[in-house]
Amino acid sequence: MDPDPDFAAFAAERADALLRYGYVLSGDPHDAADLTQEALARLHRAWPRVRRKDDPEAYVRVVMARLHISVWRRRRRESLAVDPPDGAWEDARPSDREQGLWRALADLPRKQRAVLVLRYYEDLTDAEIARVLGIARGTVRSHASHGLARLRTVIGDTATDRSPR
């Protein structure tokens, strides 16, 4: 198959943003890379059809969200330990509160986390989230409500446990 310069340009231009989206969706850099790679591979196979549409990136994001959910279905409750990176850490470390939020977000069930990421990171409406995840709008609202309530409980607990500075 001949390489398509339009696909190559799209992948080069949007790969970093898609990787960040995958990280927010999965909470793990390795899973984010796998999601991004698999979604771009699927986009490449569908590129002749998808490039004619208005937004190929939306297609990739839908694929990533659905892959994320399907991986959960296969793994169920399997939890993998992440090894620390070999290289130096260059980004500023998140505050204790931010780390608590990330841990709380990672502890949410995958569908609740996916709904919250699509709603607050991707700024999608309930109808768009329902279409992406293949669930009812009421289920979207339910997952969002339960996920936010759980996050508020965890963040509220960590906020009261902090020692004075």
N, C-alpha and C. Protein backbone atom coordinates (compact mmCIF):
# COMPACT_ATOMS: atom_id res chain seq x y z
N MET A 1 0.85 -1.18 0.00
CA MET A 1 0.00 0.00 0.00
C MET A 1 0.89 1.24 0.00
N ASP A 2 0.63 2.16 -0.90
CA ASP A 2 1.42 3.39 -0.99
C ASP A 2 1.09 4.30 0.18
N PRO A 3 2.13 4.92 0.74
CA PRO A 3 1.85 5.85 1.84
C PRO A 3 1.09 7.07 1.32
N ASP A 4 0.10 7.49 2.07
CA ASP A 4 -0.71 8.64 1.71
C ASP A 4 -0.12 9.86 2.41
N PRO A 5 0.33 10.88 1.64
CA PRO A 5 0.94 12.05 2.29
C PRO A 5 -0.04 12.81 3.19
N ASP A 6 -1.33 12.79 2.87
CA ASP A 6 -2.32 13.46 3.71
C ASP A 6 -2.42 12.78 5.08
N PHE A 7 -2.44 11.44 5.07
CA PHE A 7 -2.48 10.71 6.33
C PHE A 7 -1.21 10.96 7.13
N ALA A 8 -0.06 10.89 6.48
CA ALA A 8 1.21 11.12 7.18
C ALA A 8 1.25 12.51 7.80
N ALA A 9 0.76 13.50 7.08
CA ALA A 9 0.74 14.87 7.61
C ALA A 9 -0.21 14.96 8.81
N PHE A 10 -1.39 14.35 8.68
CA PHE A 10 -2.34 14.36 9.80
C PHE A 10 -1.74 13.69 11.03
N ALA A 11 -1.16 12.52 10.84
CA ALA A 11 -0.59 11.77 11.97
C ALA A 11 0.54 12.55 12.62
N ALA A 12 1.40 13.15 11.83
CA ALA A 12 2.53 13.91 12.38
C ALA A 12 2.03 15.14 13.14
N GLU A 13 1.01 15.78 12.61
CA GLU A 13 0.50 17.02 13.22
C GLU A 13 -0.30 16.76 14.50
N ARG A 14 -1.07 15.69 14.55
CA ARG A 14 -2.00 15.47 15.66
C ARG A 14 -1.57 14.39 16.65
N ALA A 15 -0.46 13.71 16.42
CA ALA A 15 -0.05 12.59 17.27
C ALA A 15 0.14 13.01 18.73
N ASP A 16 0.78 14.13 18.98
CA ASP A 16 1.01 14.56 20.36
C ASP A 16 -0.31 14.85 21.08
N ALA A 17 -1.22 15.53 20.40
CA ALA A 17 -2.52 15.84 21.02
C ALA A 17 -3.29 14.55 21.30
N LEU A 18 -3.22 13.61 20.38
CA LEU A 18 -3.91 12.33 20.58
C LEU A 18 -3.28 11.54 21.71
N LEU A 19 -1.97 11.61 21.84
CA LEU A 19 -1.29 10.93 22.94
C LEU A 19 -1.71 11.53 24.29
N ARG A 20 -1.82 12.85 24.35
CA ARG A 20 -2.29 13.50 25.59
C ARG A 20 -3.72 13.08 25.90
N TYR A 21 -4.56 13.02 24.88
CA TYR A 21 -5.95 12.57 25.05
C TYR A 21 -5.97 11.14 25.57
N GLY A 22 -5.14 10.30 25.01
CA GLY A 22 -5.05 8.91 25.47
C GLY A 22 -4.61 8.82 26.91
N TYR A 23 -3.70 9.71 27.33
CA TYR A 23 -3.23 9.70 28.71
C TYR A 23 -4.35 10.13 29.66
N VAL A 24 -5.06 11.15 29.29
CA VAL A 24 -6.17 11.61 30.14
C VAL A 24 -7.24 10.53 30.22
N LEU A 25 -7.46 9.85 29.12
CA LEU A 25 -8.48 8.81 29.08
C LEU A 25 -8.07 7.59 29.92
N SER A 26 -6.82 7.18 29.82
CA SER A 26 -6.39 5.94 30.47
C SER A 26 -5.68 6.16 31.79
N GLY A 27 -5.02 7.30 31.97
CA GLY A 27 -4.27 7.54 33.20
C GLY A 27 -2.92 6.84 33.22
N ASP A 28 -2.49 6.27 32.12
CA ASP A 28 -1.23 5.54 32.07
C ASP A 28 -0.52 5.87 30.75
N PRO A 29 0.75 6.27 30.80
CA PRO A 29 1.44 6.66 29.56
C PRO A 29 1.59 5.52 28.56
N HIS A 30 1.78 4.30 29.05
CA HIS A 30 1.94 3.15 28.15
C HIS A 30 0.61 2.82 27.46
N ASP A 31 -0.47 2.83 28.24
CA ASP A 31 -1.79 2.59 27.65
C ASP A 31 -2.14 3.70 26.66
N ALA A 32 -1.76 4.93 26.99
CA ALA A 32 -2.03 6.06 26.10
C ALA A 32 -1.31 5.86 24.76
N ALA A 33 -0.06 5.42 24.82
CA ALA A 33 0.69 5.18 23.58
C ALA A 33 0.05 4.05 22.77
N ASP A 34 -0.37 2.99 23.46
CA ASP A 34 -1.02 1.88 22.77
C ASP A 34 -2.34 2.32 22.12
N LEU A 35 -3.14 3.10 22.87
CA LEU A 35 -4.40 3.60 22.33
C LEU A 35 -4.16 4.45 21.08
N THR A 36 -3.19 5.34 21.18
CA THR A 36 -2.89 6.24 20.06
C THR A 36 -2.43 5.44 18.84
N GLN A 37 -1.52 4.50 19.07
CA GLN A 37 -1.00 3.71 17.96
C GLN A 37 -2.09 2.89 17.29
N GLU A 38 -2.91 2.22 18.08
CA GLU A 38 -3.97 1.39 17.52
C GLU A 38 -5.01 2.25 16.79
N ALA A 39 -5.35 3.40 17.37
CA ALA A 39 -6.34 4.28 16.73
C ALA A 39 -5.81 4.82 15.41
N LEU A 40 -4.53 5.20 15.36
CA LEU A 40 -3.96 5.69 14.11
C LEU A 40 -3.87 4.56 13.07
N ALA A 41 -3.59 3.34 13.52
CA ALA A 41 -3.57 2.21 12.58
C ALA A 41 -4.96 1.98 11.98
N ARG A 42 -5.98 2.08 12.82
CA ARG A 42 -7.35 1.91 12.32
C ARG A 42 -7.75 3.06 11.40
N LEU A 43 -7.29 4.27 11.75
CA LEU A 43 -7.57 5.41 10.88
C LEU A 43 -6.90 5.21 9.52
N HIS A 44 -5.69 4.69 9.52
CA HIS A 44 -4.97 4.48 8.27
C HIS A 44 -5.75 3.52 7.35
N ARG A 45 -6.30 2.46 7.94
CA ARG A 45 -7.08 1.51 7.15
C ARG A 45 -8.35 2.17 6.60
N ALA A 46 -8.92 3.10 7.37
CA ALA A 46 -10.18 3.74 6.95
C ALA A 46 -9.95 5.10 6.29
N TRP A 47 -8.70 5.49 6.09
CA TRP A 47 -8.37 6.83 5.63
C TRP A 47 -9.08 7.23 4.33
N PRO A 48 -9.17 6.38 3.31
CA PRO A 48 -9.86 6.82 2.08
C PRO A 48 -11.30 7.26 2.34
N ARG A 49 -11.96 6.62 3.30
CA ARG A 49 -13.35 6.97 3.62
C ARG A 49 -13.40 8.16 4.57
N VAL A 50 -12.53 8.18 5.58
CA VAL A 50 -12.59 9.19 6.64
C VAL A 50 -12.09 10.55 6.18
N ARG A 51 -11.10 10.58 5.31
CA ARG A 51 -10.53 11.88 4.91
C ARG A 51 -11.53 12.75 4.16
N ARG A 52 -12.56 12.13 3.59
CA ARG A 52 -13.58 12.91 2.89
C ARG A 52 -14.54 13.60 3.85
N LYS A 53 -14.52 13.18 5.10
CA LYS A 53 -15.40 13.79 6.10
C LYS A 53 -14.75 15.06 6.65
N ASP A 54 -15.50 15.79 7.46
CA ASP A 54 -15.02 17.07 7.97
C ASP A 54 -13.91 16.96 9.01
N ASP A 55 -13.95 15.91 9.85
CA ASP A 55 -13.06 15.89 10.99
C ASP A 55 -12.49 14.50 11.28
N PRO A 56 -11.35 14.15 10.65
CA PRO A 56 -10.77 12.83 10.91
C PRO A 56 -10.33 12.67 12.37
N GLU A 57 -9.99 13.77 13.04
CA GLU A 57 -9.57 13.67 14.44
C GLU A 57 -10.72 13.19 15.32
N ALA A 58 -11.92 13.62 15.04
CA ALA A 58 -13.08 13.15 15.81
C ALA A 58 -13.23 11.64 15.66
N TYR A 59 -12.99 11.13 14.45
CA TYR A 59 -13.04 9.68 14.22
C TYR A 59 -12.02 8.97 15.11
N VAL A 60 -10.80 9.49 15.15
CA VAL A 60 -9.73 8.87 15.94
C VAL A 60 -10.09 8.91 17.43
N ARG A 61 -10.63 10.00 17.90
CA ARG A 61 -10.99 10.11 19.31
C ARG A 61 -12.11 9.15 19.69
N VAL A 62 -13.06 8.96 18.80
CA VAL A 62 -14.12 7.97 19.04
C VAL A 62 -13.51 6.58 19.12
N VAL A 63 -12.61 6.27 18.20
CA VAL A 63 -11.94 4.97 18.21
C VAL A 63 -11.18 4.78 19.51
N MET A 64 -10.47 5.82 19.95
CA MET A 64 -9.70 5.71 21.19
C MET A 64 -10.61 5.47 22.40
N ALA A 65 -11.71 6.19 22.47
CA ALA A 65 -12.63 6.01 23.59
C ALA A 65 -13.21 4.60 23.60
N ARG A 66 -13.58 4.11 22.43
CA ARG A 66 -14.15 2.77 22.35
C ARG A 66 -13.10 1.70 22.64
N LEU A 67 -11.88 1.89 22.17
CA LEU A 67 -10.81 0.95 22.49
C LEU A 67 -10.55 0.91 23.99
N HIS A 68 -10.55 2.08 24.60
CA HIS A 68 -10.32 2.18 26.04
C HIS A 68 -11.37 1.36 26.80
N ILE A 69 -12.62 1.50 26.42
CA ILE A 69 -13.69 0.74 27.07
C ILE A 69 -13.54 -0.75 26.80
N SER A 70 -13.21 -1.13 25.57
CA SER A 70 -13.11 -2.56 25.25
C SER A 70 -11.93 -3.21 25.95
N VAL A 71 -10.85 -2.48 26.14
CA VAL A 71 -9.70 -3.02 26.89
C VAL A 71 -10.14 -3.32 28.32
N TRP A 72 -10.92 -2.42 28.88
CA TRP A 72 -11.42 -2.65 30.24
C TRP A 72 -12.25 -3.92 30.29
N ARG A 73 -13.07 -4.11 29.30
CA ARG A 73 -13.92 -5.31 29.30
C ARG A 73 -13.07 -6.58 29.27
N ARG A 74 -11.95 -6.53 28.55
CA ARG A 74 -11.10 -7.72 28.48
C ARG A 74 -10.32 -7.92 29.77
N ARG A 75 -9.81 -6.86 30.33
CA ARG A 75 -8.98 -6.97 31.53
C ARG A 75 -9.79 -7.14 32.81
N ARG A 76 -10.97 -6.57 32.81
CA ARG A 76 -11.83 -6.47 33.99
C ARG A 76 -11.08 -5.74 35.09
N ARG A 77 -10.70 -6.40 36.13
CA ARG A 77 -10.09 -5.72 37.28
C ARG A 77 -8.58 -5.89 37.37
N GLU A 78 -7.94 -6.31 36.27
CA GLU A 78 -6.50 -6.48 36.29
C GLU A 78 -5.83 -5.12 36.49
N SER A 79 -4.86 -5.07 37.39
CA SER A 79 -4.16 -3.82 37.66
C SER A 79 -2.66 -4.05 37.47
N LEU A 80 -2.07 -3.31 36.56
CA LEU A 80 -0.65 -3.46 36.27
C LEU A 80 0.14 -2.39 37.01
N ALA A 81 1.29 -2.78 37.53
CA ALA A 81 2.17 -1.83 38.19
C ALA A 81 3.01 -1.13 37.13
N VAL A 82 3.18 0.16 37.28
CA VAL A 82 3.97 0.95 36.34
C VAL A 82 5.36 1.14 36.92
N ASP A 83 6.37 0.81 36.13
CA ASP A 83 7.75 1.03 36.56
C ASP A 83 8.08 2.51 36.41
N PRO A 84 8.93 3.03 37.29
CA PRO A 84 9.31 4.43 37.16
C PRO A 84 10.11 4.63 35.87
N PRO A 85 10.03 5.82 35.28
CA PRO A 85 10.76 6.06 34.03
C PRO A 85 12.27 6.03 34.26
N ASP A 86 13.00 5.62 33.22
CA ASP A 86 14.46 5.56 33.31
C ASP A 86 15.08 6.94 33.24
N GLY A 87 14.48 7.84 32.48
CA GLY A 87 15.05 9.17 32.28
C GLY A 87 14.65 10.13 33.38
N ALA A 88 15.23 11.32 33.31
CA ALA A 88 14.93 12.36 34.29
C ALA A 88 13.53 12.91 34.06
N TRP A 89 12.88 13.30 35.14
CA TRP A 89 11.55 13.90 35.07
C TRP A 89 11.73 15.38 34.78
N GLU A 90 11.11 15.85 33.69
CA GLU A 90 11.32 17.24 33.28
C GLU A 90 10.16 18.15 33.66
N ASP A 91 8.96 17.61 33.74
CA ASP A 91 7.81 18.44 34.07
C ASP A 91 7.78 18.71 35.57
N ALA A 92 7.14 19.81 35.93
CA ALA A 92 6.95 20.12 37.35
C ALA A 92 6.00 19.09 37.94
N ARG A 93 6.31 18.61 39.12
CA ARG A 93 5.45 17.61 39.76
C ARG A 93 4.14 18.26 40.16
N PRO A 94 3.04 17.56 39.98
CA PRO A 94 1.75 18.10 40.40
C PRO A 94 1.70 18.23 41.93
N SER A 95 0.88 19.14 42.39
CA SER A 95 0.72 19.32 43.82
C SER A 95 0.08 18.07 44.43
N ASP A 96 0.11 17.98 45.76
CA ASP A 96 -0.50 16.83 46.43
C ASP A 96 -1.98 16.71 46.07
N ARG A 97 -2.66 17.84 46.01
CA ARG A 97 -4.09 17.82 45.67
C ARG A 97 -4.31 17.32 44.25
N GLU A 98 -3.46 17.79 43.30
CA GLU A 98 -3.59 17.33 41.92
C GLU A 98 -3.29 15.84 41.82
N GLN A 99 -2.27 15.37 42.55
CA GLN A 99 -1.96 13.95 42.53
C GLN A 99 -3.13 13.14 43.09
N GLY A 100 -3.75 13.67 44.14
CA GLY A 100 -4.92 13.01 44.70
C GLY A 100 -6.06 12.93 43.69
N LEU A 101 -6.23 14.01 42.92
CA LEU A 101 -7.27 14.02 41.90
C LEU A 101 -6.98 12.99 40.82
N TRP A 102 -5.72 12.90 40.36
CA TRP A 102 -5.35 11.91 39.35
C TRP A 102 -5.56 10.50 39.88
N ARG A 103 -5.18 10.24 41.14
CA ARG A 103 -5.38 8.91 41.72
C ARG A 103 -6.88 8.60 41.81
N ALA A 104 -7.65 9.59 42.23
CA ALA A 104 -9.10 9.38 42.35
C ALA A 104 -9.72 9.13 40.97
N LEU A 105 -9.26 9.88 39.97
CA LEU A 105 -9.76 9.68 38.61
C LEU A 105 -9.38 8.29 38.11
N ALA A 106 -8.17 7.84 38.42
CA ALA A 106 -7.73 6.50 37.99
C ALA A 106 -8.51 5.40 38.69
N ASP A 107 -9.00 5.67 39.89
CA ASP A 107 -9.76 4.67 40.64
C ASP A 107 -11.22 4.55 40.20
N LEU A 108 -11.69 5.50 39.41
CA LEU A 108 -13.07 5.44 38.93
C LEU A 108 -13.22 4.27 37.96
N PRO A 109 -14.43 3.72 37.88
CA PRO A 109 -14.68 2.72 36.83
C PRO A 109 -14.43 3.35 35.46
N ARG A 110 -14.01 2.56 34.50
CA ARG A 110 -13.59 3.06 33.19
C ARG A 110 -14.67 3.89 32.49
N LYS A 111 -15.91 3.47 32.55
CA LYS A 111 -16.96 4.24 31.86
C LYS A 111 -17.17 5.59 32.52
N GLN A 112 -17.13 5.64 33.86
CA GLN A 112 -17.28 6.93 34.54
C GLN A 112 -16.12 7.84 34.17
N ARG A 113 -14.91 7.30 34.17
CA ARG A 113 -13.73 8.11 33.81
C ARG A 113 -13.84 8.57 32.37
N ALA A 114 -14.26 7.69 31.46
CA ALA A 114 -14.39 8.07 30.06
C ALA A 114 -15.42 9.19 29.89
N VAL A 115 -16.55 9.08 30.59
CA VAL A 115 -17.57 10.12 30.51
C VAL A 115 -17.02 11.45 31.02
N LEU A 116 -16.31 11.44 32.15
CA LEU A 116 -15.77 12.69 32.69
C LEU A 116 -14.71 13.28 31.78
N VAL A 117 -13.86 12.45 31.20
CA VAL A 117 -12.83 12.94 30.28
C VAL A 117 -13.49 13.55 29.05
N LEU A 118 -14.47 12.85 28.49
CA LEU A 118 -15.12 13.37 27.30
C LEU A 118 -15.90 14.65 27.60
N ARG A 119 -16.46 14.75 28.78
CA ARG A 119 -17.25 15.93 29.13
C ARG A 119 -16.35 17.13 29.45
N TYR A 120 -15.34 16.93 30.30
CA TYR A 120 -14.56 18.07 30.78
C TYR A 120 -13.26 18.30 30.04
N TYR A 121 -12.66 17.26 29.47
CA TYR A 121 -11.43 17.44 28.70
C TYR A 121 -11.74 17.73 27.24
N GLU A 122 -12.68 16.97 26.69
CA GLU A 122 -13.05 17.14 25.28
C GLU A 122 -14.20 18.12 25.10
N ASP A 123 -14.88 18.49 26.19
CA ASP A 123 -15.98 19.44 26.16
C ASP A 123 -17.11 18.99 25.23
N LEU A 124 -17.45 17.69 25.30
CA LEU A 124 -18.54 17.15 24.49
C LEU A 124 -19.86 17.24 25.26
N THR A 125 -20.94 17.30 24.52
CA THR A 125 -22.27 17.30 25.13
C THR A 125 -22.64 15.87 25.52
N ASP A 126 -23.70 15.74 26.30
CA ASP A 126 -24.17 14.40 26.69
C ASP A 126 -24.52 13.56 25.46
N ALA A 127 -25.16 14.19 24.48
CA ALA A 127 -25.55 13.45 23.27
C ALA A 127 -24.31 12.97 22.51
N GLU A 128 -23.27 13.82 22.44
CA GLU A 128 -22.05 13.42 21.74
C GLU A 128 -21.32 12.30 22.49
N ILE A 129 -21.31 12.40 23.82
CA ILE A 129 -20.67 11.36 24.63
C ILE A 129 -21.42 10.04 24.45
N ALA A 130 -22.74 10.11 24.46
CA ALA A 130 -23.55 8.90 24.28
C ALA A 130 -23.25 8.25 22.93
N ARG A 131 -23.10 9.06 21.90
CA ARG A 131 -22.79 8.53 20.57
C ARG A 131 -21.39 7.91 20.55
N VAL A 132 -20.40 8.57 21.17
CA VAL A 132 -19.03 8.06 21.19
C VAL A 132 -18.96 6.73 21.91
N LEU A 133 -19.59 6.64 23.07
CA LEU A 133 -19.50 5.44 23.89
C LEU A 133 -20.56 4.39 23.57
N GLY A 134 -21.53 4.76 22.77
CA GLY A 134 -22.57 3.81 22.40
C GLY A 134 -23.51 3.48 23.55
N ILE A 135 -23.82 4.50 24.37
CA ILE A 135 -24.72 4.33 25.51
C ILE A 135 -25.81 5.40 25.45
N ALA A 136 -26.81 5.27 26.30
CA ALA A 136 -27.91 6.25 26.32
C ALA A 136 -27.48 7.54 27.01
N ARG A 137 -28.16 8.65 26.66
CA ARG A 137 -27.84 9.94 27.27
C ARG A 137 -28.06 9.90 28.79
N GLY A 138 -29.10 9.21 29.22
CA GLY A 138 -29.35 9.08 30.66
C GLY A 138 -28.22 8.35 31.36
N THR A 139 -27.64 7.36 30.70
CA THR A 139 -26.51 6.63 31.26
C THR A 139 -25.30 7.55 31.37
N VAL A 140 -25.11 8.41 30.38
CA VAL A 140 -24.02 9.39 30.43
C VAL A 140 -24.18 10.26 31.67
N ARG A 141 -25.37 10.80 31.87
CA ARG A 141 -25.62 11.68 33.02
C ARG A 141 -25.42 10.92 34.34
N SER A 142 -25.84 9.67 34.37
CA SER A 142 -25.69 8.84 35.57
C SER A 142 -24.21 8.60 35.87
N HIS A 143 -23.44 8.21 34.84
CA HIS A 143 -22.00 7.99 35.04
C HIS A 143 -21.31 9.28 35.50
N ALA A 144 -21.68 10.39 34.89
CA ALA A 144 -21.07 11.67 35.27
C ALA A 144 -21.41 12.02 36.71
N SER A 145 -22.64 11.85 37.09
CA SER A 145 -23.07 12.17 38.45
C SER A 145 -22.35 11.30 39.48
N HIS A 146 -22.32 9.99 39.23
CA HIS A 146 -21.66 9.09 40.17
C HIS A 146 -20.16 9.35 40.23
N GLY A 147 -19.55 9.59 39.07
CA GLY A 147 -18.11 9.86 39.03
C GLY A 147 -17.75 11.13 39.76
N LEU A 148 -18.52 12.20 39.52
CA LEU A 148 -18.25 13.48 40.20
C LEU A 148 -18.47 13.37 41.71
N ALA A 149 -19.52 12.64 42.10
CA ALA A 149 -19.77 12.46 43.54
C ALA A 149 -18.59 11.73 44.20
N ARG A 150 -18.08 10.74 43.52
CA ARG A 150 -16.94 9.99 44.07
C ARG A 150 -15.70 10.87 44.15
N LEU A 151 -15.46 11.67 43.10
CA LEU A 151 -14.31 12.58 43.11
C LEU A 151 -14.45 13.62 44.22
N ARG A 152 -15.66 14.16 44.40
CA ARG A 152 -15.88 15.15 45.45
C ARG A 152 -15.61 14.55 46.83
N THR A 153 -16.01 13.31 47.01
CA THR A 153 -15.78 12.64 48.29
C THR A 153 -14.29 12.49 48.54
N VAL A 154 -13.56 12.04 47.56
CA VAL A 154 -12.11 11.83 47.72
C VAL A 154 -11.39 13.16 47.90
N ILE A 155 -11.70 14.13 47.07
CA ILE A 155 -11.03 15.43 47.17
C ILE A 155 -11.41 16.11 48.47
N GLY A 156 -12.65 15.99 48.88
CA GLY A 156 -13.06 16.56 50.17
C GLY A 156 -12.32 15.93 51.32
N ASP A 157 -12.10 14.59 51.25
CA ASP A 157 -11.35 13.90 52.30
C ASP A 157 -9.90 14.34 52.33
N THR A 158 -9.28 14.51 51.14
CA THR A 158 -7.87 14.92 51.13
C THR A 158 -7.72 16.37 51.53
N ALA A 159 -8.71 17.19 51.23
CA ALA A 159 -8.64 18.60 51.60
C ALA A 159 -8.69 18.78 53.10
N THR A 160 -9.43 17.95 53.81
CA THR A 160 -9.51 18.06 55.26
C THR A 160 -8.33 17.39 55.95
N ASP A 161 -7.63 16.48 55.24
CA ASP A 161 -6.50 15.79 55.85
C ASP A 161 -5.19 16.56 55.74
N ARG A 162 -5.17 17.65 55.01
CA ARG A 162 -3.91 18.39 54.81
C ARG A 162 -3.51 19.08 56.11
N SER A 163 -2.23 19.07 56.36
CA SER A 163 -1.73 19.77 57.54
C SER A 163 -1.50 21.24 57.21
N PRO A 164 -1.61 22.13 58.21
CA PRO A 164 -1.40 23.57 57.93
C PRO A 164 0.04 23.83 57.56
N ARG A 165 0.25 24.81 56.71
CA ARG A 165 1.62 25.14 56.25
C ARG A 165 2.29 26.12 57.15
